Amino acid sequence: MSLIRNSLPLILSIGVLAGCASAPLEEQTAKPSPTSPAAATKAAQMKMKKGLPAQELQPGECGLFLWTRRESPEFVFFSKAGEETALFWMEGNTLTLQRTGVAGTVFGQELTEQFFALPDGRTMELRMEPGDLLVSGQRVPEASIRVRDDNGWETLIPVAGVTGCQPDA
């Protein structure tokens, strides 16, 4: 599956180049169009991008990293311990959430229940089951994200991940 995903930009670029090779000479010498091979490759890469970008912790910082529980997992949630905001990937966008509450039990630098407000007024509940301890962290084998709108409609997203700390330098 990853071979196909990694090959898609190359395949699209070859297809675009083949189309350019058969174009009349006056079209080939015209200024570059938005459908140039480079533009097509970049557009294909943007379409393939799913999830949050990689996140980095500085020495001494801890964070929570969660991915969807699907055949092709997407990195959808990240928060740094001790901060009241989080990043959340939903509907093709990176959203900054504001923490509104916490509950449950402590594991590592996290609590098992966390509540957030989305920028558009929806709310989000994160519930986690702590798992095995890791070097500088802990597994989160079972978790769920529940997004609720003003009309009571809910979207449930099964997730899993890890908590981790960057050792002091």
C-alpha atoms as a PDB file:
ATOM      1  CA  MET A   1       0.000   0.000   0.000  1.00  0.00           C
ATOM      2  CA  SER A   2       2.782   2.474   0.848  1.00  0.00           C
ATOM      3  CA  LEU A   3       4.525   1.606  -2.439  1.00  0.00           C
ATOM      4  CA  ILE A   4       1.410   2.736  -4.320  1.00  0.00           C
ATOM      5  CA  ARG A   5       1.083   5.864  -2.158  1.00  0.00           C
ATOM      6  CA  ASN A   6       4.770   6.743  -2.671  1.00  0.00           C
ATOM      7  CA  SER A   7       4.577   6.078  -6.425  1.00  0.00           C
ATOM      8  CA  LEU A   8       1.458   8.182  -7.085  1.00  0.00           C
ATOM      9  CA  PRO A   9       3.302  11.539  -7.513  1.00  0.00           C
ATOM     10  CA  LEU A  10       5.706   9.897  -9.984  1.00  0.00           C
ATOM     11  CA  ILE A  11       2.862   8.309 -11.961  1.00  0.00           C
ATOM     12  CA  LEU A  12       0.976  11.619 -12.099  1.00  0.00           C
ATOM     13  CA  SER A  13       4.119  13.446 -13.214  1.00  0.00           C
ATOM     14  CA  ILE A  14       4.753  10.937 -16.028  1.00  0.00           C
ATOM     15  CA  GLY A  15       1.133  11.282 -17.178  1.00  0.00           C
ATOM     16  CA  VAL A  16       1.395  15.066 -17.240  1.00  0.00           C
ATOM     17  CA  LEU A  17       4.720  14.892 -19.119  1.00  0.00           C
ATOM     18  CA  ALA A  18       3.223  12.530 -21.703  1.00  0.00           C
ATOM     19  CA  GLY A  19       0.373  14.989 -22.262  1.00  0.00           C
ATOM     20  CA  CYS A  20       2.870  17.847 -22.749  1.00  0.00           C
ATOM     21  CA  ALA A  21       4.875  15.844 -25.301  1.00  0.00           C
ATOM     22  CA  SER A  22       1.871  15.673 -27.637  1.00  0.00           C
ATOM     23  CA  ALA A  23       0.917  19.354 -27.346  1.00  0.00           C
ATOM     24  CA  PRO A  24       1.470  21.673 -30.349  1.00  0.00           C
ATOM     25  CA  LEU A  25       4.774  23.596 -30.390  1.00  0.00           C
ATOM     26  CA  GLU A  26       3.143  26.980 -29.630  1.00  0.00           C
ATOM     27  CA  GLU A  27       1.563  25.538 -26.460  1.00  0.00           C
ATOM     28  CA  GLN A  28       4.892  24.020 -25.371  1.00  0.00           C
ATOM     29  CA  THR A  29       6.710  27.371 -25.602  1.00  0.00           C
ATOM     30  CA  ALA A  30       4.006  29.311 -23.742  1.00  0.00           C
ATOM     31  CA  LYS A  31       4.508  30.393 -20.152  1.00  0.00           C
ATOM     32  CA  PRO A  32       4.288  27.585 -17.537  1.00  0.00           C
ATOM     33  CA  SER A  33       0.745  26.667 -16.665  1.00  0.00           C
ATOM     34  CA  PRO A  34      -0.620  25.648 -13.277  1.00  0.00           C
ATOM     35  CA  THR A  35      -0.768  22.088 -14.667  1.00  0.00           C
ATOM     36  CA  SER A  36       3.009  21.835 -15.116  1.00  0.00           C
ATOM     37  CA  PRO A  37       4.626  18.612 -13.875  1.00  0.00           C
ATOM     38  CA  ALA A  38       5.916  20.346 -10.732  1.00  0.00           C
ATOM     39  CA  ALA A  39       2.483  21.821  -9.986  1.00  0.00           C
ATOM     40  CA  ALA A  40       0.779  18.473 -10.607  1.00  0.00           C
ATOM     41  CA  THR A  41       3.225  16.671  -8.320  1.00  0.00           C
ATOM     42  CA  LYS A  42       2.732  19.253  -5.573  1.00  0.00           C
ATOM     43  CA  ALA A  43      -1.072  19.052  -5.947  1.00  0.00           C
ATOM     44  CA  ALA A  44      -0.935  15.241  -5.725  1.00  0.00           C
ATOM     45  CA  GLN A  45       1.207  15.421  -2.598  1.00  0.00           C
ATOM     46  CA  MET A  46      -1.210  17.889  -0.985  1.00  0.00           C
ATOM     47  CA  LYS A  47      -4.171  15.596  -1.766  1.00  0.00           C
ATOM     48  CA  MET A  48      -2.314  12.658  -0.223  1.00  0.00           C
ATOM     49  CA  LYS A  49      -1.501  14.601   2.974  1.00  0.00           C
ATOM     50  CA  LYS A  50      -3.700  13.294   5.709  1.00  0.00           C
ATOM     51  CA  GLY A  51      -3.214  14.145   9.316  1.00  0.00           C
ATOM     52  CA  LEU A  52      -1.112  16.475  11.368  1.00  0.00           C
ATOM     53  CA  PRO A  53       2.491  17.174  10.433  1.00  0.00           C
ATOM     54  CA  ALA A  54       5.252  15.638  12.555  1.00  0.00           C
ATOM     55  CA  GLN A  55       5.568  17.276  15.969  1.00  0.00           C
ATOM     56  CA  GLU A  56       8.800  17.785  17.858  1.00  0.00           C
ATOM     57  CA  LEU A  57       9.386  17.903  21.593  1.00  0.00           C
ATOM     58  CA  GLN A  58      12.226  19.908  23.087  1.00  0.00           C
ATOM     59  CA  PRO A  59      14.416  18.316  25.802  1.00  0.00           C
ATOM     60  CA  GLY A  60      12.335  17.931  28.962  1.00  0.00           C
ATOM     61  CA  GLU A  61       8.964  18.280  27.180  1.00  0.00           C
ATOM     62  CA  CYS A  62       6.278  15.579  27.123  1.00  0.00           C
ATOM     63  CA  GLY A  63       3.430  15.082  24.685  1.00  0.00           C
ATOM     64  CA  LEU A  64       0.450  12.984  23.710  1.00  0.00           C
ATOM     65  CA  PHE A  65       0.365  11.596  20.139  1.00  0.00           C
ATOM     66  CA  LEU A  66      -2.808   9.877  18.823  1.00  0.00           C
ATOM     67  CA  TRP A  67      -3.561   8.199  15.480  1.00  0.00           C
ATOM     68  CA  THR A  68      -6.825   6.892  14.049  1.00  0.00           C
ATOM     69  CA  ARG A  69      -7.397   3.166  14.417  1.00  0.00           C
ATOM     70  CA  ARG A  70      -7.759   2.359  10.728  1.00  0.00           C
ATOM     71  CA  GLU A  71      -5.962   0.341   8.085  1.00  0.00           C
ATOM     72  CA  SER A  72      -4.121   3.550   7.110  1.00  0.00           C
ATOM     73  CA  PRO A  73      -3.745   5.479  10.390  1.00  0.00           C
ATOM     74  CA  GLU A  74      -3.760   9.278  10.376  1.00  0.00           C
ATOM     75  CA  PHE A  75      -2.000  11.380  13.012  1.00  0.00           C
ATOM     76  CA  VAL A  76      -4.990  13.341  14.375  1.00  0.00           C
ATOM     77  CA  PHE A  77      -4.200  14.643  17.870  1.00  0.00           C
ATOM     78  CA  PHE A  78      -1.209  16.196  19.612  1.00  0.00           C
ATOM     79  CA  SER A  79      -0.854  18.044  22.892  1.00  0.00           C
ATOM     80  CA  LYS A  80       2.101  19.021  25.040  1.00  0.00           C
ATOM     81  CA  ALA A  81       1.899  18.245  28.739  1.00  0.00           C
ATOM     82  CA  GLY A  82       1.211  21.327  30.816  1.00  0.00           C
ATOM     83  CA  GLU A  83      -0.306  23.328  27.946  1.00  0.00           C
ATOM     84  CA  GLU A  84      -3.973  24.202  27.597  1.00  0.00           C
ATOM     85  CA  THR A  85      -4.113  23.844  23.813  1.00  0.00           C
ATOM     86  CA  ALA A  86      -3.940  20.881  21.450  1.00  0.00           C
ATOM     87  CA  LEU A  87      -3.739  20.292  17.709  1.00  0.00           C
ATOM     88  CA  PHE A  88      -6.511  18.250  16.095  1.00  0.00           C
ATOM     89  CA  TRP A  89      -6.832  17.092  12.476  1.00  0.00           C
ATOM     90  CA  MET A  90     -10.470  17.012  11.371  1.00  0.00           C
ATOM     91  CA  GLU A  91     -12.184  17.337   7.999  1.00  0.00           C
ATOM     92  CA  GLY A  92      -8.861  18.025   6.249  1.00  0.00           C
ATOM     93  CA  ASN A  93      -7.846  20.884   8.534  1.00  0.00           C
ATOM     94  CA  THR A  94      -5.545  21.412  11.489  1.00  0.00           C
ATOM     95  CA  LEU A  95      -7.553  22.906  14.346  1.00  0.00           C
ATOM     96  CA  THR A  96      -6.201  24.447  17.545  1.00  0.00           C
ATOM     97  CA  LEU A  97      -8.308  23.319  20.482  1.00  0.00           C
ATOM     98  CA  GLN A  98      -8.674  25.004  23.859  1.00  0.00           C
ATOM     99  CA  ARG A  99      -8.782  22.704  26.900  1.00  0.00           C
ATOM    100  CA  THR A 100     -11.966  23.264  28.948  1.00  0.00           C
ATOM    101  CA  GLY A 101     -11.588  20.567  31.586  1.00  0.00           C
ATOM    102  CA  VAL A 102      -9.966  17.344  32.767  1.00  0.00           C
ATOM    103  CA  ALA A 103     -11.077  14.349  34.830  1.00  0.00           C
ATOM    104  CA  GLY A 104     -10.230  10.724  35.435  1.00  0.00           C
ATOM    105  CA  THR A 105      -6.962   9.327  36.669  1.00  0.00           C
ATOM    106  CA  VAL A 106      -3.394  10.450  36.109  1.00  0.00           C
ATOM    107  CA  PHE A 107      -1.038   8.404  33.941  1.00  0.00           C
ATOM    108  CA  GLY A 108       2.341   9.851  33.127  1.00  0.00           C
ATOM    109  CA  GLN A 109       1.843  13.539  32.384  1.00  0.00           C
ATOM    110  CA  GLU A 110      -1.788  13.074  31.230  1.00  0.00           C
ATOM    111  CA  LEU A 111      -5.295  12.548  32.588  1.00  0.00           C
ATOM    112  CA  THR A 112      -7.560   9.840  31.177  1.00  0.00           C
ATOM    113  CA  GLU A 113     -10.400  12.282  30.373  1.00  0.00           C
ATOM    114  CA  GLN A 114      -9.864  15.632  28.676  1.00  0.00           C
ATOM    115  CA  PHE A 115     -12.352  18.132  27.270  1.00  0.00           C
ATOM    116  CA  PHE A 116     -11.765  20.744  24.559  1.00  0.00           C
ATOM    117  CA  ALA A 117     -13.572  23.464  22.603  1.00  0.00           C
ATOM    118  CA  LEU A 118     -13.171  23.574  18.821  1.00  0.00           C
ATOM    119  CA  PRO A 119     -12.852  26.989  17.139  1.00  0.00           C
ATOM    120  CA  ASP A 120     -16.331  26.618  15.540  1.00  0.00           C
ATOM    121  CA  GLY A 121     -18.105  26.044  18.888  1.00  0.00           C
ATOM    122  CA  ARG A 122     -18.245  22.241  18.838  1.00  0.00           C
ATOM    123  CA  THR A 123     -16.915  20.353  21.845  1.00  0.00           C
ATOM    124  CA  MET A 124     -14.563  17.393  22.014  1.00  0.00           C
ATOM    125  CA  GLU A 125     -14.139  14.691  24.651  1.00  0.00           C
ATOM    126  CA  LEU A 126     -11.003  12.568  24.758  1.00  0.00           C
ATOM    127  CA  ARG A 127     -11.106   9.384  26.840  1.00  0.00           C
ATOM    128  CA  MET A 128      -8.040   7.136  27.120  1.00  0.00           C
ATOM    129  CA  GLU A 129      -7.050   3.791  28.611  1.00  0.00           C
ATOM    130  CA  PRO A 130      -3.392   3.753  29.731  1.00  0.00           C
ATOM    131  CA  GLY A 131      -1.317   0.835  28.496  1.00  0.00           C
ATOM    132  CA  ASP A 132       2.182  -0.555  28.896  1.00  0.00           C
ATOM    133  CA  LEU A 133       5.026   1.637  30.066  1.00  0.00           C
ATOM    134  CA  LEU A 134       7.654   2.537  27.493  1.00  0.00           C
ATOM    135  CA  VAL A 135      11.081   4.115  27.803  1.00  0.00           C
ATOM    136  CA  SER A 136      10.184   7.796  28.451  1.00  0.00           C
ATOM    137  CA  GLY A 137       6.459   7.238  27.870  1.00  0.00           C
ATOM    138  CA  GLN A 138       3.416   5.001  27.877  1.00  0.00           C
ATOM    139  CA  ARG A 139       1.202   3.328  25.299  1.00  0.00           C
ATOM    140  CA  VAL A 140      -2.398   4.415  24.817  1.00  0.00           C
ATOM    141  CA  PRO A 141      -3.886   1.288  23.217  1.00  0.00           C
ATOM    142  CA  GLU A 142      -7.542   2.335  23.511  1.00  0.00           C
ATOM    143  CA  ALA A 143      -8.902   5.862  23.265  1.00  0.00           C
ATOM    144  CA  SER A 144     -11.829   7.691  21.723  1.00  0.00           C
ATOM    145  CA  ILE A 145     -12.444  11.205  20.517  1.00  0.00           C
ATOM    146  CA  ARG A 146     -16.074  12.328  20.531  1.00  0.00           C
ATOM    147  CA  VAL A 147     -16.911  15.595  18.746  1.00  0.00           C
ATOM    148  CA  ARG A 148     -20.358  17.038  19.566  1.00  0.00           C
ATOM    149  CA  ASP A 149     -22.169  19.924  17.843  1.00  0.00           C
ATOM    150  CA  ASP A 150     -24.862  22.273  19.221  1.00  0.00           C
ATOM    151  CA  ASN A 151     -27.646  20.010  17.906  1.00  0.00           C
ATOM    152  CA  GLY A 152     -26.319  17.002  19.806  1.00  0.00           C
ATOM    153  CA  TRP A 153     -24.866  15.210  16.760  1.00  0.00           C
ATOM    154  CA  GLU A 154     -21.712  13.292  17.616  1.00  0.00           C
ATOM    155  CA  THR A 155     -18.769  12.024  15.635  1.00  0.00           C
ATOM    156  CA  LEU A 156     -16.847   9.179  17.288  1.00  0.00           C
ATOM    157  CA  ILE A 157     -13.214   8.630  16.272  1.00  0.00           C
ATOM    158  CA  PRO A 158     -11.420   5.557  17.674  1.00  0.00           C
ATOM    159  CA  VAL A 159      -7.754   6.379  18.277  1.00  0.00           C
ATOM    160  CA  ALA A 160      -4.611   4.936  19.867  1.00  0.00           C
ATOM    161  CA  GLY A 161      -1.133   6.265  20.472  1.00  0.00           C
ATOM    162  CA  VAL A 162       1.543   7.069  23.000  1.00  0.00           C
ATOM    163  CA  THR A 163       2.633   9.584  25.542  1.00  0.00           C
ATOM    164  CA  GLY A 164       6.305  10.402  25.378  1.00  0.00           C
ATOM    165  CA  CYS A 165       8.911  12.644  26.887  1.00  0.00           C
ATOM    166  CA  GLN A 166      12.067  13.971  25.279  1.00  0.00           C
ATOM    167  CA  PRO A 167      14.915  13.310  27.737  1.00  0.00           C
ATOM    168  CA  ASP A 168      16.786  16.332  29.070  1.00  0.00           C
ATOM    169  CA  ALA A 169      19.932  17.028  27.076  1.00  0.00           C
END
